[in-house]
Amino acid sequence: MEKKVKNEKIRHQLYTPLTSIRGYIQLLQTTIRKNSREEKWLKELDKESKRLTKMIMEVFRS
């Protein structure tokens, strides 16, 4: 039981800031011009943040 609680805390510590980062990315995406350099950077950040979120969920699913 103690290991499960530890894993939950670790997952929360990783997942919560990542959720905030993804929220900021989405906010910024609504304020920039289409086809700009910044849009390309934000698309890459969005893709990688989704990948990290998926990885965290997979690691702590087991």
C-alpha atoms as a PDB file:
ATOM      1  CA  MET A   1       0.000   0.000   0.000  1.00  0.00           C
ATOM      2  CA  GLU A   2       2.824   2.403   0.869  1.00  0.00           C
ATOM      3  CA  LYS A   3       4.441   1.887  -2.553  1.00  0.00           C
ATOM      4  CA  LYS A   4       1.142   2.707  -4.260  1.00  0.00           C
ATOM      5  CA  VAL A   5       0.851   5.976  -2.326  1.00  0.00           C
ATOM      6  CA  LYS A   6       4.443   6.891  -3.223  1.00  0.00           C
ATOM      7  CA  ASN A   7       3.785   6.186  -6.891  1.00  0.00           C
ATOM      8  CA  GLU A   8       0.645   8.329  -6.789  1.00  0.00           C
ATOM      9  CA  LYS A   9       2.611  11.224  -5.287  1.00  0.00           C
ATOM     10  CA  ILE A  10       5.395  10.908  -7.858  1.00  0.00           C
ATOM     11  CA  ARG A  11       2.887  10.739 -10.716  1.00  0.00           C
ATOM     12  CA  HIS A  12       1.157  13.834  -9.370  1.00  0.00           C
ATOM     13  CA  GLN A  13       4.472  15.706  -9.037  1.00  0.00           C
ATOM     14  CA  LEU A  14       5.280  14.970 -12.692  1.00  0.00           C
ATOM     15  CA  TYR A  15       1.833  15.268 -14.203  1.00  0.00           C
ATOM     16  CA  THR A  16       0.624  18.492 -12.556  1.00  0.00           C
ATOM     17  CA  PRO A  17       3.361  20.838 -13.852  1.00  0.00           C
ATOM     18  CA  LEU A  18       3.133  19.215 -17.274  1.00  0.00           C
ATOM     19  CA  THR A  19      -0.593  19.933 -17.366  1.00  0.00           C
ATOM     20  CA  SER A  20       0.149  23.596 -16.615  1.00  0.00           C
ATOM     21  CA  ILE A  21       2.762  23.715 -19.358  1.00  0.00           C
ATOM     22  CA  ARG A  22       0.288  22.240 -21.834  1.00  0.00           C
ATOM     23  CA  GLY A  23      -2.273  24.859 -20.805  1.00  0.00           C
ATOM     24  CA  TYR A  24       0.197  27.688 -21.444  1.00  0.00           C
ATOM     25  CA  ILE A  25       1.088  26.203 -24.826  1.00  0.00           C
ATOM     26  CA  GLN A  26      -2.579  26.132 -25.803  1.00  0.00           C
ATOM     27  CA  LEU A  27      -3.037  29.715 -24.636  1.00  0.00           C
ATOM     28  CA  LEU A  28      -0.031  30.904 -26.622  1.00  0.00           C
ATOM     29  CA  GLN A  29      -1.238  29.052 -29.713  1.00  0.00           C
ATOM     30  CA  THR A  30      -4.365  31.222 -29.735  1.00  0.00           C
ATOM     31  CA  THR A  31      -2.358  34.453 -29.717  1.00  0.00           C
ATOM     32  CA  ILE A  32       0.267  33.919 -32.434  1.00  0.00           C
ATOM     33  CA  ARG A  33       0.157  34.328 -36.189  1.00  0.00           C
ATOM     34  CA  LYS A  34      -0.379  31.326 -38.424  1.00  0.00           C
ATOM     35  CA  ASN A  35       2.701  29.956 -40.201  1.00  0.00           C
ATOM     36  CA  SER A  36       5.073  31.905 -37.956  1.00  0.00           C
ATOM     37  CA  ARG A  37       8.266  30.561 -36.478  1.00  0.00           C
ATOM     38  CA  GLU A  38       6.649  30.715 -33.050  1.00  0.00           C
ATOM     39  CA  GLU A  39       3.742  28.558 -34.229  1.00  0.00           C
ATOM     40  CA  LYS A  40       6.199  25.876 -35.344  1.00  0.00           C
ATOM     41  CA  TRP A  41       7.954  25.979 -31.977  1.00  0.00           C
ATOM     42  CA  LEU A  42       4.672  25.727 -30.104  1.00  0.00           C
ATOM     43  CA  LYS A  43       3.551  22.784 -32.242  1.00  0.00           C
ATOM     44  CA  GLU A  44       6.778  20.992 -31.349  1.00  0.00           C
ATOM     45  CA  LEU A  45       6.372  21.835 -27.658  1.00  0.00           C
ATOM     46  CA  ASP A  46       2.769  20.627 -27.773  1.00  0.00           C
ATOM     47  CA  LYS A  47       3.777  17.363 -29.452  1.00  0.00           C
ATOM     48  CA  GLU A  48       6.532  16.686 -26.912  1.00  0.00           C
ATOM     49  CA  SER A  49       4.394  17.604 -23.907  1.00  0.00           C
ATOM     50  CA  LYS A  50       1.722  15.168 -25.102  1.00  0.00           C
ATOM     51  CA  ARG A  51       4.393  12.492 -25.522  1.00  0.00           C
ATOM     52  CA  LEU A  52       5.651  13.078 -21.961  1.00  0.00           C
ATOM     53  CA  THR A  53       2.111  12.994 -20.589  1.00  0.00           C
ATOM     54  CA  LYS A  54       1.489   9.683 -22.327  1.00  0.00           C
ATOM     55  CA  MET A  55       4.785   8.303 -21.030  1.00  0.00           C
ATOM     56  CA  ILE A  56       3.963   9.295 -17.437  1.00  0.00           C
ATOM     57  CA  MET A  57       0.537   7.690 -17.681  1.00  0.00           C
ATOM     58  CA  GLU A  58       2.027   4.473 -19.114  1.00  0.00           C
ATOM     59  CA  VAL A  59       4.753   4.233 -16.463  1.00  0.00           C
ATOM     60  CA  PHE A  60       2.333   4.691 -13.575  1.00  0.00           C
ATOM     61  CA  ARG A  61      -0.476   2.601 -15.032  1.00  0.00           C
ATOM     62  CA  SER A  62       1.207  -0.633 -13.986  1.00  0.00           C
END
